[in-house]
Amino acid sequence: MSSLVSRLWHRRPLWWSLNVGVLIVITLASLLSPGNLLVSTGGHDKLWHATAYFIAALLWRPLLRRPPSLVVVWIALVAYGALMEVLQGIGGVRSFEWLDMLANGSGVTAAVLLLALLWQRVLPPR
């Protein structure tokens, strides 16, 4: 890896901040009224769900030391996606949707599988 990439790769506070920031964005996008969001889904709601959770899962890689940690990331993000859907159902502003939950889980699963395949080759352990 280049010197800059290597330095960025080993900046744990940066990666924690990015992860927390993505989760905050997902939370706001999940719980705010669609009219209050800065972007429109353009009819591709499920793709947005899958993409957001795919990115959220990918960003955990620099903080993980061993491949089994990916299972913890998968469980946590799938549970987080389910929680967001339940809160939407309770909140009254948005509605609970099984397909949204499936899209969230699909994004997490795709990212975790990709990370598992690339663990040693492209993204070396810390």
Protein backbone atom coordinates (compact mmCIF):
# COMPACT_ATOMS: atom_id res chain seq x y z
CA MET A 1 0.00 0.00 0.00
CA SER A 2 1.09 3.56 -0.58
CA SER A 3 2.22 5.55 2.41
CA LEU A 4 -0.92 7.73 2.47
CA VAL A 5 -3.28 4.77 2.18
CA SER A 6 -1.35 2.91 4.86
CA ARG A 7 -1.54 5.88 7.24
CA LEU A 8 -5.27 6.32 6.63
CA TRP A 9 -5.87 2.59 7.01
CA HIS A 10 -4.41 2.61 10.53
CA ARG A 11 -6.34 5.65 11.81
CA ARG A 12 -8.85 4.01 14.13
CA PRO A 13 -10.54 7.26 15.26
CA LEU A 14 -11.19 8.14 11.61
CA TRP A 15 -12.87 4.79 10.95
CA TRP A 16 -14.92 4.94 14.16
CA SER A 17 -16.08 8.45 13.20
CA LEU A 18 -17.02 7.31 9.69
CA ASN A 19 -18.95 4.33 11.06
CA VAL A 20 -20.85 6.40 13.60
CA GLY A 21 -21.54 9.05 10.95
CA VAL A 22 -22.99 6.51 8.53
CA LEU A 23 -25.20 5.03 11.26
CA ILE A 24 -26.46 8.52 12.15
CA VAL A 25 -27.28 9.22 8.49
CA ILE A 26 -29.07 5.86 8.20
CA THR A 27 -31.02 6.58 11.38
CA LEU A 28 -32.11 10.03 10.20
CA ALA A 29 -33.00 8.74 6.73
CA SER A 30 -34.99 5.92 8.32
CA LEU A 31 -36.93 7.94 10.86
CA LEU A 32 -37.52 11.33 9.25
CA SER A 33 -40.48 11.98 7.02
CA PRO A 34 -39.55 11.35 3.36
CA GLY A 35 -40.44 14.98 2.61
CA ASN A 36 -37.73 16.15 5.05
CA LEU A 37 -34.91 14.21 3.36
CA LEU A 38 -32.38 16.06 1.22
CA VAL A 39 -32.54 13.48 -1.59
CA SER A 40 -35.33 11.57 -3.25
CA THR A 41 -35.16 7.81 -3.71
CA GLY A 42 -36.45 8.26 -7.23
CA GLY A 43 -38.51 5.10 -6.95
CA HIS A 44 -35.46 3.03 -6.06
CA ASP A 45 -36.11 2.76 -2.33
CA LYS A 46 -34.86 -0.82 -1.92
CA LEU A 47 -31.64 -0.05 -3.80
CA TRP A 48 -30.99 2.86 -1.43
CA HIS A 49 -31.56 0.56 1.56
CA ALA A 50 -29.18 -2.10 0.23
CA THR A 51 -26.53 0.47 -0.72
CA ALA A 52 -26.60 2.22 2.66
CA TYR A 53 -26.19 -1.01 4.59
CA PHE A 54 -23.55 -2.28 2.12
CA ILE A 55 -21.47 0.84 2.78
CA ALA A 56 -22.09 0.63 6.53
CA ALA A 57 -20.75 -2.94 6.57
CA LEU A 58 -17.71 -2.17 4.38
CA LEU A 59 -16.60 0.65 6.66
CA TRP A 60 -16.06 -1.77 9.54
CA ARG A 61 -13.19 -3.62 7.82
CA PRO A 62 -10.33 -1.35 9.02
CA LEU A 63 -11.46 -1.89 12.62
CA LEU A 64 -11.56 -5.69 12.45
CA ARG A 65 -8.64 -7.97 13.26
CA ARG A 66 -9.92 -11.42 12.23
CA PRO A 67 -12.43 -12.73 9.68
CA PRO A 68 -14.79 -14.13 12.37
CA SER A 69 -15.44 -10.51 13.39
CA LEU A 70 -17.43 -10.21 10.17
CA VAL A 71 -20.12 -12.40 11.73
CA VAL A 72 -20.50 -9.88 14.57
CA VAL A 73 -20.74 -7.02 12.05
CA TRP A 74 -23.35 -8.96 10.07
CA ILE A 75 -25.48 -9.72 13.15
CA ALA A 76 -25.21 -6.16 14.48
CA LEU A 77 -26.11 -4.43 11.21
CA VAL A 78 -28.94 -6.81 10.34
CA ALA A 79 -30.35 -6.24 13.85
CA TYR A 80 -29.87 -2.48 13.43
CA GLY A 81 -31.76 -2.56 10.13
CA ALA A 82 -34.57 -4.52 11.76
CA LEU A 83 -34.68 -2.03 14.64
CA MET A 84 -34.98 0.88 12.19
CA GLU A 85 -37.93 -0.83 10.50
CA VAL A 86 -39.65 -1.53 13.84
CA LEU A 87 -39.14 2.10 14.90
CA GLN A 88 -40.64 3.23 11.60
CA GLY A 89 -43.70 1.12 12.33
CA ILE A 90 -44.04 2.59 15.82
CA GLY A 91 -43.28 6.20 14.91
CA GLY A 92 -46.25 6.79 12.65
CA VAL A 93 -44.29 8.97 10.20
CA ARG A 94 -43.14 6.02 8.11
CA SER A 95 -44.21 2.40 7.91
CA PHE A 96 -42.68 -0.98 8.67
CA GLU A 97 -41.80 -2.91 5.50
CA TRP A 98 -40.50 -6.46 5.32
CA LEU A 99 -38.93 -5.76 1.92
CA ASP A 100 -36.95 -2.84 3.37
CA MET A 101 -35.64 -5.15 6.07
CA LEU A 102 -34.71 -7.69 3.38
CA ALA A 103 -32.94 -4.98 1.37
CA ASN A 104 -31.00 -3.87 4.47
CA GLY A 105 -29.92 -7.43 5.19
CA SER A 106 -29.03 -8.03 1.54
CA GLY A 107 -26.69 -5.04 1.53
CA VAL A 108 -24.98 -6.19 4.74
CA THR A 109 -24.70 -9.76 3.48
CA ALA A 110 -23.20 -8.72 0.14
CA ALA A 111 -20.59 -6.54 1.86
CA VAL A 112 -19.66 -9.21 4.43
CA LEU A 113 -19.29 -11.85 1.71
CA LEU A 114 -17.14 -9.49 -0.35
CA LEU A 115 -14.95 -8.68 2.66
CA ALA A 116 -14.59 -12.37 3.49
CA LEU A 117 -13.42 -13.08 -0.06
CA LEU A 118 -10.97 -10.16 -0.12
CA TRP A 119 -9.78 -10.36 3.49
CA GLN A 120 -6.13 -11.29 2.85
CA ARG A 121 -5.68 -10.18 -0.76
CA VAL A 122 -6.84 -6.62 -1.07
CA LEU A 123 -7.48 -5.53 2.49
CA PRO A 124 -4.61 -6.80 4.64
CA PRO A 125 -5.06 -7.35 8.37
CA ARG A 126 -4.01 -4.58 10.70
